[in-house]
Amino acid sequence: MRLHEKGGKYHEMLVHHCLEEYLDAYLAAAGIKDDRKGPFFRTAYQKTGQLTARPMRQEDVFRMIRRRAAEARVKTGIGCHSFRVLGITTYLENGGTLEKAQQMAAHESPRTTKLYDRTRDVVTLDEVERIVL
């Protein structure tokens, strides 16, 4: 996947085979599989669900995430970076390295990637058992 990121940078990233299948299904269902020049994520016309030719703006994405979170009864604040945190943390919890996470996130510094690492936020039973009574 080629991503156009802030600052005009481009980042190429391999994708998990499941994501590839989901994206192919989205393109087919949206009827935009053969539209190579149009935006990938598009706005919908009012509440019809019919996609327009206009790209989603940052505000559109944020509203969509907030709406879906409310429907799922998620109480904590959530936004686009929440998914970045989830992805990096999950990758690290499953044995990934900070260096590869940094590369996948296209961060200049491992310190930036570390800001997204929530693996240390969870207190495990092993940690609690360290308390000697």
N, C-alpha and C. Protein backbone atom coordinates (compact mmCIF):
# COMPACT_ATOMS: atom_id res chain seq x y z
N MET A 1 0.85 -1.16 0.00
CA MET A 1 0.00 0.00 0.00
C MET A 1 0.91 1.23 0.00
N ARG A 2 0.57 2.20 -0.85
CA ARG A 2 1.30 3.46 -0.87
C ARG A 2 0.48 4.50 -0.14
N LEU A 3 1.07 5.09 0.89
CA LEU A 3 0.38 6.08 1.70
C LEU A 3 0.98 7.45 1.45
N HIS A 4 0.12 8.44 1.27
CA HIS A 4 0.56 9.83 1.13
C HIS A 4 0.38 10.44 2.50
N GLU A 5 1.47 10.73 3.17
CA GLU A 5 1.42 11.18 4.55
C GLU A 5 1.66 12.68 4.66
N LYS A 6 1.54 13.16 5.89
CA LYS A 6 1.73 14.60 6.11
C LYS A 6 3.13 15.00 5.71
N GLY A 7 3.26 16.25 5.35
CA GLY A 7 4.55 16.76 4.89
C GLY A 7 4.88 16.34 3.47
N GLY A 8 3.88 15.80 2.75
CA GLY A 8 4.10 15.40 1.36
C GLY A 8 4.90 14.12 1.20
N LYS A 9 5.14 13.40 2.30
CA LYS A 9 5.92 12.16 2.24
C LYS A 9 5.06 11.00 1.75
N TYR A 10 5.71 10.07 1.06
CA TYR A 10 5.06 8.84 0.65
C TYR A 10 5.71 7.69 1.41
N HIS A 11 4.89 6.74 1.79
CA HIS A 11 5.37 5.59 2.55
C HIS A 11 4.74 4.34 1.97
N GLU A 12 5.56 3.36 1.59
CA GLU A 12 5.05 2.10 1.09
C GLU A 12 5.09 1.07 2.20
N MET A 13 4.01 0.33 2.32
CA MET A 13 3.87 -0.62 3.42
C MET A 13 3.21 -1.89 2.90
N LEU A 14 3.77 -3.04 3.24
CA LEU A 14 3.10 -4.29 2.96
C LEU A 14 1.88 -4.40 3.87
N VAL A 15 0.85 -5.11 3.42
CA VAL A 15 -0.33 -5.25 4.25
C VAL A 15 -0.60 -6.73 4.54
N HIS A 16 -1.22 -6.96 5.67
CA HIS A 16 -1.63 -8.31 6.07
C HIS A 16 -2.60 -8.84 5.03
N HIS A 17 -2.55 -10.16 4.77
CA HIS A 17 -3.43 -10.73 3.74
C HIS A 17 -4.91 -10.51 4.05
N CYS A 18 -5.29 -10.46 5.31
CA CYS A 18 -6.70 -10.20 5.66
C CYS A 18 -7.09 -8.78 5.26
N LEU A 19 -6.21 -7.82 5.51
CA LEU A 19 -6.51 -6.44 5.12
C LEU A 19 -6.62 -6.33 3.60
N GLU A 20 -5.77 -7.03 2.89
CA GLU A 20 -5.84 -7.02 1.43
C GLU A 20 -7.22 -7.52 0.96
N GLU A 21 -7.72 -8.57 1.59
CA GLU A 21 -9.04 -9.09 1.24
C GLU A 21 -10.14 -8.09 1.58
N TYR A 22 -10.04 -7.44 2.74
CA TYR A 22 -11.03 -6.44 3.15
C TYR A 22 -11.04 -5.26 2.18
N LEU A 23 -9.86 -4.81 1.78
CA LEU A 23 -9.77 -3.67 0.87
C LEU A 23 -10.32 -4.02 -0.50
N ASP A 24 -10.02 -5.23 -0.97
CA ASP A 24 -10.58 -5.68 -2.25
C ASP A 24 -12.11 -5.74 -2.19
N ALA A 25 -12.64 -6.24 -1.08
CA ALA A 25 -14.10 -6.31 -0.90
C ALA A 25 -14.71 -4.91 -0.86
N TYR A 26 -14.03 -3.97 -0.18
CA TYR A 26 -14.51 -2.58 -0.12
C TYR A 26 -14.55 -1.97 -1.52
N LEU A 27 -13.47 -2.14 -2.28
CA LEU A 27 -13.42 -1.58 -3.64
C LEU A 27 -14.53 -2.13 -4.51
N ALA A 28 -14.79 -3.43 -4.41
CA ALA A 28 -15.84 -4.05 -5.21
C ALA A 28 -17.22 -3.55 -4.77
N ALA A 29 -17.48 -3.55 -3.46
CA ALA A 29 -18.79 -3.12 -2.94
C ALA A 29 -19.04 -1.65 -3.22
N ALA A 30 -17.98 -0.84 -3.17
CA ALA A 30 -18.13 0.59 -3.41
C ALA A 30 -18.26 0.91 -4.90
N GLY A 31 -17.97 -0.07 -5.74
CA GLY A 31 -18.05 0.14 -7.18
C GLY A 31 -16.94 1.02 -7.72
N ILE A 32 -15.79 1.03 -7.04
CA ILE A 32 -14.69 1.91 -7.48
C ILE A 32 -13.42 1.12 -7.80
N LYS A 33 -13.58 -0.19 -7.99
CA LYS A 33 -12.42 -1.06 -8.22
C LYS A 33 -11.57 -0.61 -9.43
N ASP A 34 -12.22 -0.14 -10.47
CA ASP A 34 -11.50 0.24 -11.69
C ASP A 34 -11.16 1.72 -11.75
N ASP A 35 -11.54 2.47 -10.74
CA ASP A 35 -11.26 3.92 -10.71
C ASP A 35 -9.89 4.15 -10.07
N ARG A 36 -8.87 4.16 -10.89
CA ARG A 36 -7.49 4.28 -10.39
C ARG A 36 -7.11 5.71 -10.02
N LYS A 37 -7.85 6.70 -10.51
CA LYS A 37 -7.49 8.09 -10.25
C LYS A 37 -8.31 8.75 -9.15
N GLY A 38 -9.43 8.16 -8.82
CA GLY A 38 -10.31 8.74 -7.80
C GLY A 38 -9.79 8.44 -6.40
N PRO A 39 -10.35 9.13 -5.41
CA PRO A 39 -9.93 8.90 -4.03
C PRO A 39 -10.35 7.51 -3.56
N PHE A 40 -9.56 6.95 -2.68
CA PHE A 40 -9.84 5.62 -2.13
C PHE A 40 -10.99 5.68 -1.14
N PHE A 41 -10.89 6.58 -0.17
CA PHE A 41 -11.96 6.76 0.82
C PHE A 41 -12.73 8.02 0.44
N ARG A 42 -14.04 7.86 0.25
CA ARG A 42 -14.87 8.93 -0.28
C ARG A 42 -15.99 9.29 0.68
N THR A 43 -16.49 10.48 0.51
CA THR A 43 -17.65 10.89 1.30
C THR A 43 -18.89 10.19 0.75
N ALA A 44 -19.92 10.14 1.57
CA ALA A 44 -21.21 9.57 1.14
C ALA A 44 -22.20 10.71 0.96
N TYR A 45 -23.12 10.53 0.02
CA TYR A 45 -24.14 11.54 -0.24
C TYR A 45 -25.19 11.48 0.85
N GLN A 46 -25.23 12.55 1.64
CA GLN A 46 -26.15 12.67 2.78
C GLN A 46 -26.18 11.37 3.56
N LYS A 47 -27.34 10.81 3.80
CA LYS A 47 -27.41 9.56 4.58
C LYS A 47 -27.82 8.38 3.71
N THR A 48 -27.56 8.48 2.41
CA THR A 48 -27.97 7.43 1.48
C THR A 48 -26.98 6.27 1.46
N GLY A 49 -25.75 6.52 1.86
CA GLY A 49 -24.71 5.50 1.76
C GLY A 49 -24.09 5.45 0.38
N GLN A 50 -24.62 6.25 -0.54
CA GLN A 50 -24.09 6.31 -1.90
C GLN A 50 -22.82 7.16 -1.89
N LEU A 51 -21.72 6.60 -2.40
CA LEU A 51 -20.44 7.32 -2.37
C LEU A 51 -20.39 8.40 -3.45
N THR A 52 -19.72 9.49 -3.11
CA THR A 52 -19.49 10.58 -4.07
C THR A 52 -18.09 10.40 -4.66
N ALA A 53 -17.68 11.32 -5.49
CA ALA A 53 -16.33 11.31 -6.06
C ALA A 53 -15.37 12.14 -5.20
N ARG A 54 -15.89 12.71 -4.11
CA ARG A 54 -15.06 13.57 -3.24
C ARG A 54 -14.33 12.75 -2.19
N PRO A 55 -13.07 13.10 -1.92
CA PRO A 55 -12.33 12.37 -0.88
C PRO A 55 -12.81 12.75 0.51
N MET A 56 -12.69 11.82 1.43
CA MET A 56 -13.00 12.12 2.83
C MET A 56 -11.94 13.07 3.34
N ARG A 57 -12.38 14.06 4.08
CA ARG A 57 -11.44 14.98 4.73
C ARG A 57 -11.14 14.45 6.12
N GLN A 58 -10.15 15.03 6.74
CA GLN A 58 -9.76 14.62 8.08
C GLN A 58 -10.94 14.73 9.05
N GLU A 59 -11.71 15.80 8.94
CA GLU A 59 -12.86 15.99 9.83
C GLU A 59 -13.92 14.91 9.60
N ASP A 60 -14.09 14.50 8.34
CA ASP A 60 -15.06 13.45 8.01
C ASP A 60 -14.67 12.14 8.69
N VAL A 61 -13.41 11.81 8.61
CA VAL A 61 -12.91 10.57 9.21
C VAL A 61 -13.09 10.62 10.71
N PHE A 62 -12.75 11.73 11.32
CA PHE A 62 -12.86 11.87 12.77
C PHE A 62 -14.32 11.71 13.21
N ARG A 63 -15.24 12.36 12.49
CA ARG A 63 -16.67 12.25 12.82
C ARG A 63 -17.15 10.80 12.69
N MET A 64 -16.70 10.13 11.64
CA MET A 64 -17.10 8.74 11.41
C MET A 64 -16.61 7.85 12.56
N ILE A 65 -15.37 8.03 12.97
CA ILE A 65 -14.82 7.23 14.06
C ILE A 65 -15.59 7.49 15.35
N ARG A 66 -15.85 8.75 15.64
CA ARG A 66 -16.59 9.10 16.86
C ARG A 66 -18.01 8.50 16.83
N ARG A 67 -18.65 8.56 15.66
CA ARG A 67 -20.00 8.01 15.53
C ARG A 67 -20.00 6.49 15.75
N ARG A 68 -19.04 5.80 15.13
CA ARG A 68 -18.95 4.34 15.30
C ARG A 68 -18.61 3.98 16.75
N ALA A 69 -17.76 4.75 17.38
CA ALA A 69 -17.40 4.49 18.78
C ALA A 69 -18.62 4.67 19.68
N ALA A 70 -19.41 5.69 19.42
CA ALA A 70 -20.63 5.92 20.22
C ALA A 70 -21.61 4.77 20.03
N GLU A 71 -21.76 4.29 18.78
CA GLU A 71 -22.64 3.16 18.51
C GLU A 71 -22.18 1.90 19.25
N ALA A 72 -20.87 1.74 19.40
CA ALA A 72 -20.30 0.58 20.09
C ALA A 72 -20.21 0.81 21.59
N ARG A 73 -20.70 1.97 22.04
CA ARG A 73 -20.70 2.34 23.46
C ARG A 73 -19.29 2.41 24.05
N VAL A 74 -18.34 2.87 23.24
CA VAL A 74 -16.99 3.11 23.73
C VAL A 74 -17.01 4.42 24.50
N LYS A 75 -16.61 4.39 25.74
CA LYS A 75 -16.72 5.56 26.62
C LYS A 75 -15.48 6.46 26.56
N THR A 76 -14.32 5.87 26.27
CA THR A 76 -13.09 6.67 26.25
C THR A 76 -12.98 7.45 24.94
N GLY A 77 -12.22 8.54 24.99
CA GLY A 77 -11.99 9.32 23.78
C GLY A 77 -11.24 8.48 22.76
N ILE A 78 -11.63 8.59 21.51
CA ILE A 78 -11.02 7.79 20.46
C ILE A 78 -10.85 8.64 19.21
N GLY A 79 -9.81 8.38 18.49
CA GLY A 79 -9.54 9.09 17.25
C GLY A 79 -8.64 8.26 16.36
N CYS A 80 -8.15 8.85 15.29
CA CYS A 80 -7.31 8.13 14.34
C CYS A 80 -6.04 7.57 15.00
N HIS A 81 -5.46 8.34 15.90
CA HIS A 81 -4.23 7.86 16.54
C HIS A 81 -4.48 6.69 17.48
N SER A 82 -5.72 6.50 17.90
CA SER A 82 -6.05 5.35 18.74
C SER A 82 -5.74 4.05 17.98
N PHE A 83 -5.99 4.06 16.68
CA PHE A 83 -5.72 2.87 15.87
C PHE A 83 -4.22 2.67 15.67
N ARG A 84 -3.50 3.77 15.60
CA ARG A 84 -2.04 3.69 15.49
C ARG A 84 -1.47 3.09 16.78
N VAL A 85 -1.98 3.55 17.92
CA VAL A 85 -1.57 3.00 19.21
C VAL A 85 -1.89 1.51 19.27
N LEU A 86 -3.11 1.15 18.88
CA LEU A 86 -3.53 -0.25 18.92
C LEU A 86 -2.64 -1.11 18.02
N GLY A 87 -2.37 -0.64 16.83
CA GLY A 87 -1.54 -1.42 15.90
C GLY A 87 -0.13 -1.62 16.41
N ILE A 88 0.50 -0.57 16.88
CA ILE A 88 1.88 -0.67 17.37
C ILE A 88 1.93 -1.53 18.63
N THR A 89 1.00 -1.31 19.55
CA THR A 89 0.98 -2.09 20.80
C THR A 89 0.74 -3.57 20.51
N THR A 90 -0.22 -3.88 19.65
CA THR A 90 -0.51 -5.27 19.32
C THR A 90 0.69 -5.93 18.67
N TYR A 91 1.33 -5.23 17.75
CA TYR A 91 2.52 -5.75 17.08
C TYR A 91 3.61 -6.07 18.11
N LEU A 92 3.86 -5.17 19.04
CA LEU A 92 4.90 -5.37 20.05
C LEU A 92 4.51 -6.49 21.02
N GLU A 93 3.24 -6.58 21.39
CA GLU A 93 2.78 -7.64 22.29
C GLU A 93 2.95 -9.03 21.67
N ASN A 94 2.92 -9.07 20.35
CA ASN A 94 3.06 -10.35 19.64
C ASN A 94 4.49 -10.64 19.21
N GLY A 95 5.44 -10.00 19.88
CA GLY A 95 6.85 -10.31 19.65
C GLY A 95 7.55 -9.44 18.63
N GLY A 96 6.88 -8.42 18.12
CA GLY A 96 7.52 -7.52 17.16
C GLY A 96 8.57 -6.66 17.84
N THR A 97 9.47 -6.11 17.04
CA THR A 97 10.54 -5.27 17.59
C THR A 97 10.20 -3.80 17.42
N LEU A 98 10.75 -3.00 18.32
CA LEU A 98 10.54 -1.56 18.26
C LEU A 98 11.08 -1.00 16.94
N GLU A 99 12.21 -1.53 16.48
CA GLU A 99 12.83 -1.04 15.24
C GLU A 99 11.91 -1.27 14.04
N LYS A 100 11.29 -2.46 13.95
CA LYS A 100 10.38 -2.73 12.83
C LYS A 100 9.09 -1.93 12.98
N ALA A 101 8.61 -1.75 14.21
CA ALA A 101 7.42 -0.92 14.43
C ALA A 101 7.69 0.50 13.96
N GLN A 102 8.88 1.00 14.27
CA GLN A 102 9.28 2.35 13.84
C GLN A 102 9.27 2.44 12.32
N GLN A 103 9.80 1.42 11.67
CA GLN A 103 9.86 1.40 10.21
C GLN A 103 8.44 1.36 9.62
N MET A 104 7.57 0.52 10.18
CA MET A 104 6.20 0.42 9.67
C MET A 104 5.42 1.71 9.89
N ALA A 105 5.68 2.38 11.01
CA ALA A 105 4.97 3.63 11.31
C ALA A 105 5.59 4.83 10.60
N ALA A 106 6.72 4.62 9.94
CA ALA A 106 7.45 5.68 9.24
C ALA A 106 7.84 6.81 10.19
N HIS A 107 8.27 6.43 11.39
CA HIS A 107 8.76 7.42 12.35
C HIS A 107 10.25 7.63 12.15
N GLU A 108 10.68 8.87 12.30
CA GLU A 108 12.10 9.20 12.19
C GLU A 108 12.88 8.65 13.38
N SER A 109 12.25 8.66 14.54
CA SER A 109 12.94 8.28 15.78
C SER A 109 12.20 7.17 16.51
N PRO A 110 12.94 6.24 17.14
CA PRO A 110 12.26 5.22 17.95
C PRO A 110 11.55 5.83 19.16
N ARG A 111 11.97 7.01 19.56
CA ARG A 111 11.30 7.67 20.70
C ARG A 111 9.85 8.00 20.35
N THR A 112 9.60 8.38 19.11
CA THR A 112 8.24 8.67 18.67
C THR A 112 7.41 7.39 18.71
N THR A 113 7.97 6.31 18.20
CA THR A 113 7.26 5.03 18.20
C THR A 113 6.95 4.60 19.62
N LYS A 114 7.87 4.81 20.52
CA LYS A 114 7.69 4.42 21.92
C LYS A 114 6.49 5.13 22.56
N LEU A 115 6.17 6.34 22.07
CA LEU A 115 5.01 7.07 22.58
C LEU A 115 3.70 6.32 22.31
N TYR A 116 3.69 5.48 21.28
CA TYR A 116 2.51 4.73 20.90
C TYR A 116 2.46 3.35 21.55
N ASP A 117 3.49 2.96 22.25
CA ASP A 117 3.59 1.64 22.86
C ASP A 117 2.87 1.62 24.21
N ARG A 118 1.79 0.86 24.29
CA ARG A 118 1.02 0.76 25.54
C ARG A 118 1.21 -0.60 26.22
N THR A 119 2.24 -1.35 25.80
CA THR A 119 2.43 -2.69 26.37
C THR A 119 2.71 -2.62 27.87
N ARG A 120 3.26 -1.55 28.33
CA ARG A 120 3.59 -1.44 29.75
C ARG A 120 2.42 -0.92 30.58
N ASP A 121 1.33 -0.58 29.95
CA ASP A 121 0.17 -0.05 30.66
C ASP A 121 -0.62 -1.13 31.39
N VAL A 122 -0.40 -2.38 31.03
CA VAL A 122 -1.17 -3.48 31.60
C VAL A 122 -0.38 -4.11 32.74
N VAL A 123 -1.01 -4.26 33.88
CA VAL A 123 -0.39 -4.94 35.02
C VAL A 123 -0.80 -6.41 34.94
N THR A 124 0.18 -7.29 34.82
CA THR A 124 -0.11 -8.71 34.70
C THR A 124 -0.14 -9.37 36.07
N LEU A 125 -0.70 -10.57 36.13
CA LEU A 125 -0.73 -11.32 37.37
C LEU A 125 0.68 -11.62 37.87
N ASP A 126 1.61 -11.87 36.94
CA ASP A 126 3.01 -12.10 37.32
C ASP A 126 3.57 -10.92 38.10
N GLU A 127 3.20 -9.71 37.67
CA GLU A 127 3.68 -8.52 38.36
C GLU A 127 3.08 -8.42 39.76
N VAL A 128 1.78 -8.72 39.87
CA VAL A 128 1.12 -8.66 41.17
C VAL A 128 1.72 -9.71 42.10
N GLU A 129 2.06 -10.88 41.57
CA GLU A 129 2.62 -11.96 42.39
C GLU A 129 4.00 -11.64 42.93
N ARG A 130 4.63 -10.60 42.42
CA ARG A 130 5.93 -10.18 42.96
C ARG A 130 5.80 -9.60 44.36
N ILE A 131 4.59 -9.24 44.72
CA ILE A 131 4.35 -8.69 46.07
C ILE A 131 4.41 -9.84 47.07
N VAL A 132 5.34 -9.75 47.98
CA VAL A 132 5.49 -10.79 48.99
C VAL A 132 4.74 -10.39 50.24
N LEU A 133 3.84 -11.23 50.68
CA LEU A 133 3.03 -10.95 51.86
C LEU A 133 3.49 -11.80 53.04
